[in-house]
Amino acid sequence: EVKLISDAQAACTAGEPAKYAAIIKTAETLADQLNVAL
């Protein structure tokens, strides 16, 4: 159980940068789309 918990924590931490990079990209894309419409 401790190993599973440790592995899950490591995976959680390792996945954060890519996760938020994608969210940032989505936000910027939306802003670009609004500016194109304007």
Full PDB file with SEQRES, HELIX, SHEET, SSBOND, CRYST1, ORIGX, SCALE, CONECT and MASTER records, all heavy atoms in Angstrom:
SEQRES   1 A   38  GLU VAL LYS LEU ILE SER ASP ALA GLN ALA ALA CYS THR          
SEQRES   2 A   38  ALA GLY GLU PRO ALA LYS TYR ALA ALA ILE ILE LYS THR          
SEQRES   3 A   38  ALA GLU THR LEU ALA ASP GLN LEU ASN VAL ALA LEU              
HELIX    1 AA1 VAL A    2  ALA A   37  1                                  36    
CRYST1    1.000    1.000    1.000  90.00  90.00  90.00 P 1           1          
ORIGX1      1.000000  0.000000  0.000000        0.00000                         
ORIGX2      0.000000  1.000000  0.000000        0.00000                         
ORIGX3      0.000000  0.000000  1.000000        0.00000                         
SCALE1      1.000000  0.000000  0.000000        0.00000                         
SCALE2      0.000000  1.000000  0.000000        0.00000                         
SCALE3      0.000000  0.000000  1.000000        0.00000                         
ATOM      1  N   GLU A   1       0.831  -1.213   0.000  1.00  0.00           N  
ATOM      2  CA  GLU A   1       0.000   0.000   0.000  1.00  0.00           C  
ATOM      3  C   GLU A   1       0.863   1.260   0.000  1.00  0.00           C  
ATOM      4  O   GLU A   1       0.576   2.227  -0.714  1.00  0.00           O  
ATOM      5  CB  GLU A   1      -0.925  -0.012   1.217  1.00  0.00           C  
ATOM      6  CG  GLU A   1      -2.054  -1.028   1.094  1.00  0.00           C  
ATOM      7  CD  GLU A   1      -2.673  -1.396   2.423  1.00  0.00           C  
ATOM      8  OE1 GLU A   1      -2.105  -1.022   3.472  1.00  0.00           O  
ATOM      9  OE2 GLU A   1      -3.721  -2.062   2.421  1.00  0.00           O  
ATOM     10  N   VAL A   2       1.915   1.257   0.786  1.00  0.00           N  
ATOM     11  CA  VAL A   2       2.804   2.427   0.851  1.00  0.00           C  
ATOM     12  C   VAL A   2       3.470   2.679  -0.500  1.00  0.00           C  
ATOM     13  O   VAL A   2       3.611   3.823  -0.931  1.00  0.00           O  
ATOM     14  CB  VAL A   2       3.870   2.234   1.957  1.00  0.00           C  
ATOM     15  CG1 VAL A   2       4.963   3.285   1.835  1.00  0.00           C  
ATOM     16  CG2 VAL A   2       3.214   2.322   3.331  1.00  0.00           C  
ATOM     17  N   LYS A   3       3.867   1.606  -1.174  1.00  0.00           N  
ATOM     18  CA  LYS A   3       4.481   1.766  -2.498  1.00  0.00           C  
ATOM     19  C   LYS A   3       3.486   2.337  -3.501  1.00  0.00           C  
ATOM     20  O   LYS A   3       3.830   3.213  -4.304  1.00  0.00           O  
ATOM     21  CB  LYS A   3       5.030   0.432  -3.011  1.00  0.00           C  
ATOM     22  CG  LYS A   3       5.808   0.572  -4.325  1.00  0.00           C  
ATOM     23  CD  LYS A   3       6.381  -0.735  -4.793  1.00  0.00           C  
ATOM     24  CE  LYS A   3       7.282  -0.537  -6.008  1.00  0.00           C  
ATOM     25  NZ  LYS A   3       6.654   0.221  -7.101  1.00  0.00           N  
ATOM     26  N   LEU A   4       2.253   1.837  -3.467  1.00  0.00           N  
ATOM     27  CA  LEU A   4       1.224   2.359  -4.369  1.00  0.00           C  
ATOM     28  C   LEU A   4       0.981   3.842  -4.118  1.00  0.00           C  
ATOM     29  O   LEU A   4       0.824   4.637  -5.049  1.00  0.00           O  
ATOM     30  CB  LEU A   4      -0.078   1.574  -4.182  1.00  0.00           C  
ATOM     31  CG  LEU A   4      -0.092   0.139  -4.709  1.00  0.00           C  
ATOM     32  CD1 LEU A   4      -1.388  -0.556  -4.326  1.00  0.00           C  
ATOM     33  CD2 LEU A   4       0.090   0.126  -6.230  1.00  0.00           C  
ATOM     34  N   ILE A   5       0.956   4.212  -2.846  1.00  0.00           N  
ATOM     35  CA  ILE A   5       0.748   5.618  -2.479  1.00  0.00           C  
ATOM     36  C   ILE A   5       1.913   6.473  -2.968  1.00  0.00           C  
ATOM     37  O   ILE A   5       1.727   7.555  -3.524  1.00  0.00           O  
ATOM     38  CB  ILE A   5       0.583   5.752  -0.949  1.00  0.00           C  
ATOM     39  CG1 ILE A   5      -0.743   5.114  -0.509  1.00  0.00           C  
ATOM     40  CG2 ILE A   5       0.640   7.222  -0.520  1.00  0.00           C  
ATOM     41  CD1 ILE A   5      -0.852   4.908   0.979  1.00  0.00           C  
ATOM     42  N   SER A   6       3.122   5.975  -2.766  1.00  0.00           N  
ATOM     43  CA  SER A   6       4.317   6.702  -3.204  1.00  0.00           C  
ATOM     44  C   SER A   6       4.350   6.860  -4.721  1.00  0.00           C  
ATOM     45  O   SER A   6       4.663   7.937  -5.246  1.00  0.00           O  
ATOM     46  CB  SER A   6       5.569   5.973  -2.721  1.00  0.00           C  
ATOM     47  OG  SER A   6       6.743   6.616  -3.172  1.00  0.00           O  
ATOM     48  N   ASP A   7       4.019   5.781  -5.428  1.00  0.00           N  
ATOM     49  CA  ASP A   7       4.003   5.829  -6.893  1.00  0.00           C  
ATOM     50  C   ASP A   7       2.937   6.807  -7.393  1.00  0.00           C  
ATOM     51  O   ASP A   7       3.163   7.549  -8.360  1.00  0.00           O  
ATOM     52  CB  ASP A   7       3.735   4.441  -7.466  1.00  0.00           C  
ATOM     53  CG  ASP A   7       4.908   3.487  -7.250  1.00  0.00           C  
ATOM     54  OD1 ASP A   7       6.001   3.965  -6.893  1.00  0.00           O  
ATOM     55  OD2 ASP A   7       4.718   2.272  -7.440  1.00  0.00           O  
ATOM     56  N   ALA A   8       1.772   6.795  -6.741  1.00  0.00           N  
ATOM     57  CA  ALA A   8       0.686   7.692  -7.139  1.00  0.00           C  
ATOM     58  C   ALA A   8       1.077   9.148  -6.916  1.00  0.00           C  
ATOM     59  O   ALA A   8       0.780  10.023  -7.738  1.00  0.00           O  
ATOM     60  CB  ALA A   8      -0.582   7.360  -6.359  1.00  0.00           C  
ATOM     61  N   GLN A   9       1.762   9.405  -5.804  1.00  0.00           N  
ATOM     62  CA  GLN A   9       2.197  10.780  -5.528  1.00  0.00           C  
ATOM     63  C   GLN A   9       3.216  11.235  -6.567  1.00  0.00           C  
ATOM     64  O   GLN A   9       3.160  12.371  -7.059  1.00  0.00           O  
ATOM     65  CB  GLN A   9       2.806  10.865  -4.128  1.00  0.00           C  
ATOM     66  CG  GLN A   9       3.307  12.278  -3.785  1.00  0.00           C  
ATOM     67  CD  GLN A   9       3.873  12.366  -2.376  1.00  0.00           C  
ATOM     68  OE1 GLN A   9       3.410  11.677  -1.472  1.00  0.00           O  
ATOM     69  NE2 GLN A   9       4.874  13.202  -2.187  1.00  0.00           N  
ATOM     70  N   ALA A  10       4.148  10.350  -6.898  1.00  0.00           N  
ATOM     71  CA  ALA A  10       5.160  10.698  -7.902  1.00  0.00           C  
ATOM     72  C   ALA A  10       4.515  10.971  -9.257  1.00  0.00           C  
ATOM     73  O   ALA A  10       4.872  11.919  -9.959  1.00  0.00           O  
ATOM     74  CB  ALA A  10       6.187   9.570  -8.015  1.00  0.00           C  
ATOM     75  N   ALA A  11       3.540  10.138  -9.625  1.00  0.00           N  
ATOM     76  CA  ALA A  11       2.852  10.329 -10.906  1.00  0.00           C  
ATOM     77  C   ALA A  11       2.046  11.618 -10.911  1.00  0.00           C  
ATOM     78  O   ALA A  11       2.004  12.341 -11.917  1.00  0.00           O  
ATOM     79  CB  ALA A  11       1.936   9.141 -11.187  1.00  0.00           C  
ATOM     80  N   CYS A  12       1.405  11.894  -9.780  1.00  0.00           N  
ATOM     81  CA  CYS A  12       0.619  13.127  -9.647  1.00  0.00           C  
ATOM     82  C   CYS A  12       1.511  14.353  -9.837  1.00  0.00           C  
ATOM     83  O   CYS A  12       1.185  15.266 -10.596  1.00  0.00           O  
ATOM     84  CB  CYS A  12      -0.055  13.152  -8.272  1.00  0.00           C  
ATOM     85  SG  CYS A  12      -1.015  14.648  -7.930  1.00  0.00           S  
ATOM     86  N   THR A  13       2.637  14.353  -9.149  1.00  0.00           N  
ATOM     87  CA  THR A  13       3.563  15.486  -9.230  1.00  0.00           C  
ATOM     88  C   THR A  13       4.154  15.626 -10.632  1.00  0.00           C  
ATOM     89  O   THR A  13       4.247  16.731 -11.174  1.00  0.00           O  
ATOM     90  CB  THR A  13       4.701  15.307  -8.206  1.00  0.00           C  
ATOM     91  OG1 THR A  13       4.135  15.205  -6.892  1.00  0.00           O  
ATOM     92  CG2 THR A  13       5.666  16.474  -8.251  1.00  0.00           C  
ATOM     93  N   ALA A  14       4.530  14.502 -11.219  1.00  0.00           N  
ATOM     94  CA  ALA A  14       5.156  14.531 -12.544  1.00  0.00           C  
ATOM     95  C   ALA A  14       4.185  15.003 -13.622  1.00  0.00           C  
ATOM     96  O   ALA A  14       4.599  15.610 -14.621  1.00  0.00           O  
ATOM     97  CB  ALA A  14       5.682  13.142 -12.897  1.00  0.00           C  
ATOM     98  N   GLY A  15       2.895  14.753 -13.426  1.00  0.00           N  
ATOM     99  CA  GLY A  15       1.918  15.102 -14.445  1.00  0.00           C  
ATOM    100  C   GLY A  15       1.438  16.537 -14.406  1.00  0.00           C  
ATOM    101  O   GLY A  15       0.796  17.015 -15.360  1.00  0.00           O  
ATOM    102  N   GLU A  16       1.751  17.245 -13.324  1.00  0.00           N  
ATOM    103  CA  GLU A  16       1.233  18.611 -13.172  1.00  0.00           C  
ATOM    104  C   GLU A  16       1.723  19.590 -14.247  1.00  0.00           C  
ATOM    105  O   GLU A  16       0.915  20.355 -14.794  1.00  0.00           O  
ATOM    106  CB  GLU A  16       1.583  19.151 -11.776  1.00  0.00           C  
ATOM    107  CG  GLU A  16       0.811  18.493 -10.643  1.00  0.00           C  
ATOM    108  CD  GLU A  16      -0.682  18.667 -10.793  1.00  0.00           C  
ATOM    109  OE1 GLU A  16      -1.159  19.809 -10.877  1.00  0.00           O  
ATOM    110  OE2 GLU A  16      -1.377  17.635 -10.862  1.00  0.00           O  
ATOM    111  N   PRO A  17       3.012  19.645 -14.562  1.00  0.00           N  
ATOM    112  CA  PRO A  17       3.477  20.627 -15.561  1.00  0.00           C  
ATOM    113  C   PRO A  17       2.756  20.497 -16.903  1.00  0.00           C  
ATOM    114  O   PRO A  17       2.296  21.496 -17.469  1.00  0.00           O  
ATOM    115  CB  PRO A  17       4.973  20.311 -15.686  1.00  0.00           C  
ATOM    116  CG  PRO A  17       5.341  19.719 -14.369  1.00  0.00           C  
ATOM    117  CD  PRO A  17       4.149  18.909 -13.967  1.00  0.00           C  
ATOM    118  N   ALA A  18       2.651  19.277 -17.411  1.00  0.00           N  
ATOM    119  CA  ALA A  18       1.979  19.071 -18.702  1.00  0.00           C  
ATOM    120  C   ALA A  18       0.499  19.416 -18.610  1.00  0.00           C  
ATOM    121  O   ALA A  18      -0.086  19.992 -19.539  1.00  0.00           O  
ATOM    122  CB  ALA A  18       2.158  17.626 -19.154  1.00  0.00           C  
ATOM    123  N   LYS A  19      -0.112  19.071 -17.492  1.00  0.00           N  
ATOM    124  CA  LYS A  19      -1.534  19.347 -17.290  1.00  0.00           C  
ATOM    125  C   LYS A  19      -1.808  20.845 -17.361  1.00  0.00           C  
ATOM    126  O   LYS A  19      -2.737  21.287 -18.060  1.00  0.00           O  
ATOM    127  CB  LYS A  19      -1.964  18.784 -15.926  1.00  0.00           C  
ATOM    128  CG  LYS A  19      -3.352  19.195 -15.478  1.00  0.00           C  
ATOM    129  CD  LYS A  19      -3.617  18.661 -14.073  1.00  0.00           C  
ATOM    130  CE  LYS A  19      -4.914  19.197 -13.507  1.00  0.00           C  
ATOM    131  NZ  LYS A  19      -5.150  18.688 -12.122  1.00  0.00           N  
ATOM    132  N   TYR A  20      -1.008  21.623 -16.664  1.00  0.00           N  
ATOM    133  CA  TYR A  20      -1.258  23.062 -16.625  1.00  0.00           C  
ATOM    134  C   TYR A  20      -0.757  23.774 -17.880  1.00  0.00           C  
ATOM    135  O   TYR A  20      -1.298  24.813 -18.258  1.00  0.00           O  
ATOM    136  CB  TYR A  20      -0.675  23.671 -15.344  1.00  0.00           C  
ATOM    137  CG  TYR A  20      -1.620  23.459 -14.189  1.00  0.00           C  
ATOM    138  CD1 TYR A  20      -1.549  22.318 -13.403  1.00  0.00           C  
ATOM    139  CD2 TYR A  20      -2.627  24.377 -13.925  1.00  0.00           C  
ATOM    140  CE1 TYR A  20      -2.452  22.098 -12.382  1.00  0.00           C  
ATOM    141  CE2 TYR A  20      -3.525  24.178 -12.897  1.00  0.00           C  
ATOM    142  CZ  TYR A  20      -3.440  23.029 -12.127  1.00  0.00           C  
ATOM    143  OH  TYR A  20      -4.356  22.823 -11.121  1.00  0.00           O  
ATOM    144  N   ALA A  21       0.228  23.198 -18.532  1.00  0.00           N  
ATOM    145  CA  ALA A  21       0.665  23.769 -19.813  1.00  0.00           C  
ATOM    146  C   ALA A  21      -0.473  23.684 -20.826  1.00  0.00           C  
ATOM    147  O   ALA A  21      -0.704  24.614 -21.618  1.00  0.00           O  
ATOM    148  CB  ALA A  21       1.894  23.032 -20.324  1.00  0.00           C  
ATOM    149  N   ALA A  22      -1.197  22.570 -20.784  1.00  0.00           N  
ATOM    150  CA  ALA A  22      -2.331  22.400 -21.701  1.00  0.00           C  
ATOM    151  C   ALA A  22      -3.450  23.377 -21.375  1.00  0.00           C  
ATOM    152  O   ALA A  22      -4.099  23.927 -22.276  1.00  0.00           O  
ATOM    153  CB  ALA A  22      -2.843  20.962 -21.614  1.00  0.00           C  
ATOM    154  N   ILE A  23      -3.687  23.607 -20.083  1.00  0.00           N  
ATOM    155  CA  ILE A  23      -4.745  24.546 -19.679  1.00  0.00           C  
ATOM    156  C   ILE A  23      -4.381  25.974 -20.091  1.00  0.00           C  
ATOM    157  O   ILE A  23      -5.230  26.738 -20.570  1.00  0.00           O  
ATOM    158  CB  ILE A  23      -4.987  24.463 -18.160  1.00  0.00           C  
ATOM    159  CG1 ILE A  23      -5.507  23.075 -17.791  1.00  0.00           C  
ATOM    160  CG2 ILE A  23      -5.985  25.530 -17.719  1.00  0.00           C  
ATOM    161  CD1 ILE A  23      -5.657  22.854 -16.299  1.00  0.00           C  
ATOM    162  N   ILE A  24      -3.102  26.323 -19.933  1.00  0.00           N  
ATOM    163  CA  ILE A  24      -2.639  27.653 -20.350  1.00  0.00           C  
ATOM    164  C   ILE A  24      -2.827  27.826 -21.848  1.00  0.00           C  
ATOM    165  O   ILE A  24      -3.304  28.878 -22.319  1.00  0.00           O  
ATOM    166  CB  ILE A  24      -1.151  27.839 -19.960  1.00  0.00           C  
ATOM    167  CG1 ILE A  24      -1.009  27.962 -18.450  1.00  0.00           C  
ATOM    168  CG2 ILE A  24      -0.568  29.080 -20.649  1.00  0.00           C  
ATOM    169  CD1 ILE A  24       0.428  27.946 -17.972  1.00  0.00           C  
ATOM    170  N   LYS A  25      -2.475  26.791 -22.576  1.00  0.00           N  
ATOM    171  CA  LYS A  25      -2.622  26.847 -24.041  1.00  0.00           C  
ATOM    172  C   LYS A  25      -4.080  27.040 -24.433  1.00  0.00           C  
ATOM    173  O   LYS A  25      -4.409  27.828 -25.340  1.00  0.00           O  
ATOM    174  CB  LYS A  25      -2.073  25.555 -24.650  1.00  0.00           C  
ATOM    175  CG  LYS A  25      -2.132  25.515 -26.178  1.00  0.00           C  
ATOM    176  CD  LYS A  25      -1.261  26.585 -26.790  1.00  0.00           C  
ATOM    177  CE  LYS A  25      -1.261  26.484 -28.308  1.00  0.00           C  
ATOM    178  NZ  LYS A  25      -0.489  27.577 -28.936  1.00  0.00           N  
ATOM    179  N   THR A  26      -4.970  26.351 -23.743  1.00  0.00           N  
ATOM    180  CA  THR A  26      -6.404  26.477 -24.031  1.00  0.00           C  
ATOM    181  C   THR A  26      -6.883  27.898 -23.763  1.00  0.00           C  
ATOM    182  O   THR A  26      -7.655  28.466 -24.555  1.00  0.00           O  
ATOM    183  CB  THR A  26      -7.213  25.486 -23.172  1.00  0.00           C  
ATOM    184  OG1 THR A  26      -6.805  24.156 -23.490  1.00  0.00           O  
ATOM    185  CG2 THR A  26      -8.701  25.627 -23.414  1.00  0.00           C  
ATOM    186  N   ALA A  27      -6.435  28.494 -22.651  1.00  0.00           N  
ATOM    187  CA  ALA A  27      -6.842  29.858 -22.295  1.00  0.00           C  
ATOM    188  C   ALA A  27      -6.341  30.859 -23.335  1.00  0.00           C  
ATOM    189  O   ALA A  27      -7.068  31.789 -23.739  1.00  0.00           O  
ATOM    190  CB  ALA A  27      -6.304  30.218 -20.919  1.00  0.00           C  
ATOM    191  N   GLU A  28      -5.099  30.677 -23.751  1.00  0.00           N  
ATOM    192  CA  GLU A  28      -4.539  31.597 -24.744  1.00  0.00           C  
ATOM    193  C   GLU A  28      -5.224  31.438 -26.103  1.00  0.00           C  
ATOM    194  O   GLU A  28      -5.458  32.427 -26.819  1.00  0.00           O  
ATOM    195  CB  GLU A  28      -3.028  31.352 -24.878  1.00  0.00           C  
ATOM    196  CG  GLU A  28      -2.239  31.758 -23.637  1.00  0.00           C  
ATOM    197  CD  GLU A  28      -0.765  31.425 -23.742  1.00  0.00           C  
ATOM    198  OE1 GLU A  28      -0.412  30.574 -24.595  1.00  0.00           O  
ATOM    199  OE2 GLU A  28       0.035  32.004 -22.983  1.00  0.00           O  
ATOM    200  N   THR A  29      -5.569  30.214 -26.444  1.00  0.00           N  
ATOM    201  CA  THR A  29      -6.271  29.954 -27.710  1.00  0.00           C  
ATOM    202  C   THR A  29      -7.645  30.626 -27.713  1.00  0.00           C  
ATOM    203  O   THR A  29      -8.071  31.217 -28.718  1.00  0.00           O  
ATOM    204  CB  THR A  29      -6.425  28.443 -27.946  1.00  0.00           C  
ATOM    205  OG1 THR A  29      -5.122  27.853 -28.030  1.00  0.00           O  
ATOM    206  CG2 THR A  29      -7.191  28.165 -29.226  1.00  0.00           C  
ATOM    207  N   LEU A  30      -8.337  30.536 -26.585  1.00  0.00           N  
ATOM    208  CA  LEU A  30      -9.648  31.176 -26.476  1.00  0.00           C  
ATOM    209  C   LEU A  30      -9.523  32.686 -26.644  1.00  0.00           C  
ATOM    210  O   LEU A  30     -10.324  33.319 -27.358  1.00  0.00           O  
ATOM    211  CB  LEU A  30     -10.285  30.851 -25.125  1.00  0.00           C  
ATOM    212  CG  LEU A  30     -11.610  31.565 -24.833  1.00  0.00           C  
ATOM    213  CD1 LEU A  30     -12.672  31.170 -25.850  1.00  0.00           C  
ATOM    214  CD2 LEU A  30     -12.093  31.252 -23.410  1.00  0.00           C  
ATOM    215  N   ALA A  31      -8.515  33.262 -26.003  1.00  0.00           N  
ATOM    216  CA  ALA A  31      -8.305  34.714 -26.123  1.00  0.00           C  
ATOM    217  C   ALA A  31      -7.998  35.085 -27.580  1.00  0.00           C  
ATOM    218  O   ALA A  31      -8.495  36.110 -28.088  1.00  0.00           O  
ATOM    219  CB  ALA A  31      -7.170  35.149 -25.208  1.00  0.00           C  
ATOM    220  N   ASP A  32      -7.187  34.263 -28.232  1.00  0.00           N  
ATOM    221  CA  ASP A  32      -6.869  34.520 -29.647  1.00  0.00           C  
ATOM    222  C   ASP A  32      -8.134  34.475 -30.502  1.00  0.00           C  
ATOM    223  O   ASP A  32      -8.327  35.303 -31.407  1.00  0.00           O  
ATOM    224  CB  ASP A  32      -5.861  33.490 -30.158  1.00  0.00           C  
ATOM    225  CG  ASP A  32      -4.472  33.679 -29.562  1.00  0.00           C  
ATOM    226  OD1 ASP A  32      -4.193  34.789 -29.050  1.00  0.00           O  
ATOM    227  OD2 ASP A  32      -3.676  32.711 -29.608  1.00  0.00           O  
ATOM    228  N   GLN A  33      -9.005  33.520 -30.215  1.00  0.00           N  
ATOM    229  CA  GLN A  33     -10.243  33.387 -30.982  1.00  0.00           C  
ATOM    230  C   GLN A  33     -11.152  34.603 -30.786  1.00  0.00           C  
ATOM    231  O   GLN A  33     -11.769  35.095 -31.745  1.00  0.00           O  
ATOM    232  CB  GLN A  33     -10.977  32.099 -30.578  1.00  0.00           C  
ATOM    233  CG  GLN A  33     -10.263  30.830 -31.024  1.00  0.00           C  
ATOM    234  CD  GLN A  33     -10.895  29.575 -30.444  1.00  0.00           C  
ATOM    235  OE1 GLN A  33     -11.689  29.641 -29.499  1.00  0.00           O  
ATOM    236  NE2 GLN A  33     -10.519  28.426 -30.997  1.00  0.00           N  
ATOM    237  N   LEU A  34     -11.215  35.085 -29.553  1.00  0.00           N  
ATOM    238  CA  LEU A  34     -12.027  36.276 -29.283  1.00  0.00           C  
ATOM    239  C   LEU A  34     -11.450  37.493 -29.995  1.00  0.00           C  
ATOM    240  O   LEU A  34     -12.194  38.317 -30.570  1.00  0.00           O  
ATOM    241  CB  LEU A  34     -12.103  36.532 -27.776  1.00  0.00           C  
ATOM    242  CG  LEU A  34     -12.938  35.545 -26.952  1.00  0.00           C  
ATOM    243  CD1 LEU A  34     -12.814  35.853 -25.469  1.00  0.00           C  
ATOM    244  CD2 LEU A  34     -14.398  35.605 -27.381  1.00  0.00           C  
ATOM    245  N   ASN A  35     -10.122  37.607 -29.959  1.00  0.00           N  
ATOM    246  CA  ASN A  35      -9.491  38.749 -30.643  1.00  0.00           C  
ATOM    247  C   ASN A  35      -9.693  38.681 -32.159  1.00  0.00           C  
ATOM    248  O   ASN A  35      -9.874  39.710 -32.812  1.00  0.00           O  
ATOM    249  CB  ASN A  35      -8.000  38.800 -30.307  1.00  0.00           C  
ATOM    250  CG  ASN A  35      -7.743  39.399 -28.936  1.00  0.00           C  
ATOM    251  OD1 ASN A  35      -8.439  40.322 -28.517  1.00  0.00           O  
ATOM    252  ND2 ASN A  35      -6.742  38.875 -28.231  1.00  0.00           N  
ATOM    253  N   VAL A  36      -9.664  37.479 -32.714  1.00  0.00           N  
ATOM    254  CA  VAL A  36      -9.911  37.321 -34.151  1.00  0.00           C  
ATOM    255  C   VAL A  36     -11.332  37.772 -34.482  1.00  0.00           C  
ATOM    256  O   VAL A  36     -11.581  38.468 -35.492  1.00  0.00           O  
ATOM    257  CB  VAL A  36      -9.690  35.859 -34.584  1.00  0.00           C  
ATOM    258  CG1 VAL A  36     -10.239  35.627 -35.987  1.00  0.00           C  
ATOM    259  CG2 VAL A  36      -8.213  35.502 -34.528  1.00  0.00           C  
ATOM    260  N   ALA A  37     -12.301  37.391 -33.626  1.00  0.00           N  
ATOM    261  CA  ALA A  37     -13.695  37.793 -33.843  1.00  0.00           C  
ATOM    262  C   ALA A  37     -13.839  39.305 -33.725  1.00  0.00           C  
ATOM    263  O   ALA A  37     -14.587  39.932 -34.502  1.00  0.00           O  
ATOM    264  CB  ALA A  37     -14.595  37.085 -32.834  1.00  0.00           C  
ATOM    265  N   LEU A  38     -13.132  39.899 -32.772  1.00  0.00           N  
ATOM    266  CA  LEU A  38     -13.199  41.356 -32.613  1.00  0.00           C  
ATOM    267  C   LEU A  38     -12.559  42.056 -33.823  1.00  0.00           C  
ATOM    268  O   LEU A  38     -13.090  43.069 -34.320  1.00  0.00           O  
ATOM    269  CB  LEU A  38     -12.489  41.776 -31.317  1.00  0.00           C  
ATOM    270  CG  LEU A  38     -13.212  41.428 -30.010  1.00  0.00           C  
ATOM    271  CD1 LEU A  38     -12.317  41.735 -28.804  1.00  0.00           C  
ATOM    272  CD2 LEU A  38     -14.537  42.192 -29.883  1.00  0.00           C  
TER     273      LEU A  38                                                      
MASTER        0    0    0    1    0    0    0    6  272    1    0    3          
END                                                                             
